Amino acid sequence: LNFAPWAPTLAEALGVPCDHVGMSGWTTTQMLQQMDSANAGPDACDQHHPGLGVLLGRAVYTHVVLMAGTNDLGEAAAAEIAARLR
């Protein structure tokens, strides 16, 4: 897979720094299961990274864009996916 993070484009458009962590191919269930992991992975691009809980504890953020749920569409209804993200 060709890995192309969207954060640099977003940072340029907004004029603010943007951190990025890709969990390519992961479902919301996998993201929740690995939330507090120091070394989760691999994802579809063979990347290893900390879970979301660990990452969010490393810095103070005023905004977070979480792009999640599209990998769930083949196995769960939209309402179930949304409930996982709450």
N, C-alpha and C. Protein backbone atom coordinates (compact mmCIF):
# COMPACT_ATOMS: atom_id res chain seq x y z
N LEU A 1 0.83 -1.19 0.00
CA LEU A 1 0.00 0.00 0.00
C LEU A 1 0.87 1.24 0.00
N ASN A 2 0.41 2.26 -0.67
CA ASN A 2 1.10 3.54 -0.69
C ASN A 2 0.52 4.40 0.43
N PHE A 3 1.34 4.78 1.38
CA PHE A 3 0.90 5.52 2.55
C PHE A 3 1.07 7.01 2.31
N ALA A 4 -0.03 7.76 2.35
CA ALA A 4 0.02 9.21 2.11
C ALA A 4 -0.79 9.92 3.19
N PRO A 5 -0.16 10.34 4.28
CA PRO A 5 -0.90 11.00 5.36
C PRO A 5 -1.53 12.31 4.91
N TRP A 6 -2.69 12.59 5.43
CA TRP A 6 -3.41 13.80 5.09
C TRP A 6 -3.00 14.98 5.98
N ALA A 7 -2.33 14.75 7.10
CA ALA A 7 -2.01 15.81 8.06
C ALA A 7 -1.18 16.96 7.46
N PRO A 8 -0.16 16.72 6.63
CA PRO A 8 0.58 17.85 6.07
C PRO A 8 -0.30 18.78 5.23
N THR A 9 -1.23 18.22 4.48
CA THR A 9 -2.14 19.04 3.68
C THR A 9 -3.06 19.84 4.58
N LEU A 10 -3.56 19.22 5.63
CA LEU A 10 -4.44 19.91 6.58
C LEU A 10 -3.67 21.02 7.31
N ALA A 11 -2.44 20.74 7.72
CA ALA A 11 -1.62 21.74 8.41
C ALA A 11 -1.39 22.95 7.50
N GLU A 12 -1.10 22.70 6.24
CA GLU A 12 -0.87 23.79 5.30
C GLU A 12 -2.14 24.61 5.09
N ALA A 13 -3.26 23.94 4.94
CA ALA A 13 -4.53 24.64 4.70
C ALA A 13 -4.96 25.48 5.90
N LEU A 14 -4.73 24.97 7.11
CA LEU A 14 -5.16 25.66 8.32
C LEU A 14 -4.11 26.60 8.90
N GLY A 15 -2.85 26.39 8.50
CA GLY A 15 -1.78 27.21 9.03
C GLY A 15 -1.43 26.89 10.47
N VAL A 16 -1.66 25.66 10.87
CA VAL A 16 -1.34 25.22 12.23
C VAL A 16 -0.65 23.86 12.16
N PRO A 17 0.15 23.51 13.17
CA PRO A 17 0.77 22.17 13.16
C PRO A 17 -0.28 21.08 13.33
N CYS A 18 -0.06 19.96 12.69
CA CYS A 18 -0.97 18.80 12.81
C CYS A 18 -0.14 17.54 13.00
N ASP A 19 -0.42 16.82 14.08
CA ASP A 19 0.19 15.51 14.27
C ASP A 19 -0.61 14.48 13.50
N HIS A 20 0.02 13.39 13.16
CA HIS A 20 -0.65 12.34 12.40
C HIS A 20 -0.22 10.97 12.88
N VAL A 21 -1.18 10.10 13.03
CA VAL A 21 -0.90 8.69 13.29
C VAL A 21 -1.85 7.91 12.41
N GLY A 22 -1.32 7.06 11.57
CA GLY A 22 -2.16 6.26 10.70
C GLY A 22 -2.38 4.88 11.30
N MET A 23 -3.61 4.46 11.33
CA MET A 23 -3.96 3.11 11.73
C MET A 23 -4.68 2.48 10.55
N SER A 24 -4.00 2.51 9.43
CA SER A 24 -4.57 2.10 8.16
C SER A 24 -5.13 0.68 8.21
N GLY A 25 -6.37 0.55 7.79
CA GLY A 25 -7.00 -0.76 7.73
C GLY A 25 -7.65 -1.20 9.02
N TRP A 26 -7.46 -0.46 10.10
CA TRP A 26 -8.03 -0.87 11.39
C TRP A 26 -9.51 -0.53 11.47
N THR A 27 -10.23 -1.38 12.18
CA THR A 27 -11.62 -1.09 12.49
C THR A 27 -11.67 -0.33 13.81
N THR A 28 -12.84 0.23 14.11
CA THR A 28 -12.98 0.93 15.39
C THR A 28 -12.78 -0.03 16.56
N THR A 29 -13.18 -1.28 16.39
CA THR A 29 -12.97 -2.27 17.45
C THR A 29 -11.48 -2.45 17.72
N GLN A 30 -10.68 -2.55 16.67
CA GLN A 30 -9.23 -2.68 16.85
C GLN A 30 -8.64 -1.44 17.52
N MET A 31 -9.12 -0.26 17.11
CA MET A 31 -8.62 0.98 17.72
C MET A 31 -8.92 1.00 19.21
N LEU A 32 -10.12 0.58 19.59
CA LEU A 32 -10.49 0.54 21.01
C LEU A 32 -9.68 -0.50 21.77
N GLN A 33 -9.49 -1.66 21.18
CA GLN A 33 -8.71 -2.72 21.84
C GLN A 33 -7.27 -2.30 22.09
N GLN A 34 -6.71 -1.50 21.23
CA GLN A 34 -5.31 -1.09 21.33
C GLN A 34 -5.14 0.32 21.92
N MET A 35 -6.21 0.90 22.44
CA MET A 35 -6.20 2.29 22.89
C MET A 35 -5.05 2.61 23.86
N ASP A 36 -4.78 1.74 24.79
CA ASP A 36 -3.76 2.01 25.81
C ASP A 36 -2.45 1.27 25.56
N SER A 37 -2.29 0.72 24.38
CA SER A 37 -1.08 -0.01 24.03
C SER A 37 0.07 0.94 23.72
N ALA A 38 1.24 0.63 24.24
CA ALA A 38 2.43 1.44 23.94
C ALA A 38 2.98 1.14 22.54
N ASN A 39 2.68 -0.06 22.02
CA ASN A 39 3.19 -0.44 20.70
C ASN A 39 2.16 -1.31 20.00
N ALA A 40 1.18 -0.66 19.39
CA ALA A 40 0.12 -1.38 18.70
C ALA A 40 0.48 -1.57 17.23
N GLY A 41 -0.12 -2.54 16.62
CA GLY A 41 0.11 -2.74 15.19
C GLY A 41 0.43 -4.19 14.92
N PRO A 42 0.78 -4.50 13.73
CA PRO A 42 0.94 -3.59 12.60
C PRO A 42 -0.40 -3.25 11.95
N ASP A 43 -0.42 -2.12 11.25
CA ASP A 43 -1.59 -1.77 10.47
C ASP A 43 -1.40 -2.30 9.04
N ALA A 44 -2.26 -1.89 8.13
CA ALA A 44 -2.20 -2.39 6.75
C ALA A 44 -0.94 -1.96 6.01
N CYS A 45 -0.28 -0.92 6.51
CA CYS A 45 0.98 -0.44 5.91
C CYS A 45 2.19 -0.93 6.69
N ASP A 46 1.97 -1.92 7.56
CA ASP A 46 3.02 -2.51 8.39
C ASP A 46 3.65 -1.50 9.34
N GLN A 47 2.85 -0.52 9.78
CA GLN A 47 3.30 0.49 10.73
C GLN A 47 2.91 0.08 12.15
N HIS A 48 3.78 0.32 13.10
CA HIS A 48 3.50 0.12 14.52
C HIS A 48 3.49 1.50 15.18
N HIS A 49 2.62 1.69 16.13
CA HIS A 49 2.48 2.99 16.77
C HIS A 49 1.75 2.81 18.10
N PRO A 50 1.79 3.80 18.97
CA PRO A 50 1.04 3.72 20.22
C PRO A 50 -0.46 3.83 19.95
N GLY A 51 -1.25 3.36 20.89
CA GLY A 51 -2.70 3.50 20.79
C GLY A 51 -3.14 4.94 21.00
N LEU A 52 -4.40 5.22 20.70
CA LEU A 52 -4.91 6.59 20.79
C LEU A 52 -4.82 7.16 22.19
N GLY A 53 -5.11 6.37 23.20
CA GLY A 53 -5.03 6.86 24.58
C GLY A 53 -3.62 7.30 24.94
N VAL A 54 -2.65 6.54 24.52
CA VAL A 54 -1.24 6.88 24.77
C VAL A 54 -0.87 8.15 24.01
N LEU A 55 -1.25 8.22 22.76
CA LEU A 55 -0.92 9.39 21.94
C LEU A 55 -1.54 10.66 22.49
N LEU A 56 -2.80 10.60 22.89
CA LEU A 56 -3.48 11.79 23.39
C LEU A 56 -2.91 12.24 24.73
N GLY A 57 -2.26 11.34 25.44
CA GLY A 57 -1.63 11.69 26.71
C GLY A 57 -0.27 12.34 26.56
N ARG A 58 0.26 12.37 25.37
CA ARG A 58 1.61 12.90 25.13
C ARG A 58 1.65 14.41 24.90
N ALA A 59 0.52 15.00 24.57
CA ALA A 59 0.49 16.43 24.26
C ALA A 59 -0.87 16.99 24.65
N VAL A 60 -0.95 18.31 24.67
CA VAL A 60 -2.22 18.99 24.92
C VAL A 60 -2.78 19.43 23.57
N TYR A 61 -3.96 18.97 23.26
CA TYR A 61 -4.60 19.28 21.99
C TYR A 61 -5.85 20.11 22.22
N THR A 62 -6.08 21.07 21.36
CA THR A 62 -7.33 21.83 21.40
C THR A 62 -8.37 21.20 20.48
N HIS A 63 -7.90 20.48 19.46
CA HIS A 63 -8.79 19.81 18.51
C HIS A 63 -8.19 18.47 18.10
N VAL A 64 -9.06 17.51 17.85
CA VAL A 64 -8.63 16.20 17.36
C VAL A 64 -9.57 15.80 16.23
N VAL A 65 -8.99 15.44 15.09
CA VAL A 65 -9.77 14.92 13.97
C VAL A 65 -9.53 13.42 13.95
N LEU A 66 -10.56 12.67 14.18
CA LEU A 66 -10.46 11.21 14.21
C LEU A 66 -11.20 10.67 13.00
N MET A 67 -10.45 10.15 12.06
CA MET A 67 -11.05 9.57 10.86
C MET A 67 -11.14 8.06 11.08
N ALA A 68 -12.31 7.62 11.46
CA ALA A 68 -12.49 6.21 11.81
C ALA A 68 -13.86 5.75 11.38
N GLY A 69 -13.97 4.46 11.13
CA GLY A 69 -15.27 3.87 10.84
C GLY A 69 -15.45 3.32 9.44
N THR A 70 -14.70 3.82 8.47
CA THR A 70 -14.91 3.32 7.10
C THR A 70 -14.49 1.87 6.95
N ASN A 71 -13.51 1.43 7.71
CA ASN A 71 -13.09 0.03 7.63
C ASN A 71 -14.09 -0.91 8.29
N ASP A 72 -15.04 -0.37 9.03
CA ASP A 72 -16.08 -1.18 9.68
C ASP A 72 -17.28 -1.44 8.77
N LEU A 73 -17.40 -0.68 7.71
CA LEU A 73 -18.63 -0.71 6.92
C LEU A 73 -18.99 -2.08 6.37
N GLY A 74 -18.04 -2.93 6.13
CA GLY A 74 -18.33 -4.26 5.61
C GLY A 74 -18.79 -5.24 6.67
N GLU A 75 -18.71 -4.85 7.93
CA GLU A 75 -19.05 -5.81 9.00
C GLU A 75 -20.03 -5.29 10.03
N ALA A 76 -20.39 -4.02 9.98
CA ALA A 76 -21.29 -3.47 10.99
C ALA A 76 -22.16 -2.37 10.39
N ALA A 77 -23.32 -2.17 11.00
CA ALA A 77 -24.23 -1.10 10.57
C ALA A 77 -23.70 0.25 11.05
N ALA A 78 -24.08 1.31 10.36
CA ALA A 78 -23.60 2.65 10.68
C ALA A 78 -23.89 3.02 12.14
N ALA A 79 -25.05 2.68 12.66
CA ALA A 79 -25.40 3.02 14.05
C ALA A 79 -24.45 2.33 15.03
N GLU A 80 -24.08 1.09 14.76
CA GLU A 80 -23.16 0.36 15.62
C GLU A 80 -21.77 0.99 15.58
N ILE A 81 -21.33 1.39 14.42
CA ILE A 81 -20.02 2.03 14.27
C ILE A 81 -20.02 3.35 15.04
N ALA A 82 -21.05 4.14 14.89
CA ALA A 82 -21.14 5.43 15.59
C ALA A 82 -21.13 5.22 17.10
N ALA A 83 -21.80 4.19 17.58
CA ALA A 83 -21.82 3.91 19.02
C ALA A 83 -20.43 3.57 19.54
N ARG A 84 -19.63 2.90 18.75
CA ARG A 84 -18.26 2.57 19.16
C ARG A 84 -17.40 3.81 19.32
N LEU A 85 -17.71 4.84 18.55
CA LEU A 85 -16.92 6.07 18.56
C LEU A 85 -17.30 7.04 19.67
N ARG A 86 -18.34 6.75 20.39
CA ARG A 86 -18.78 7.67 21.45
C ARG A 86 -17.96 7.51 22.68
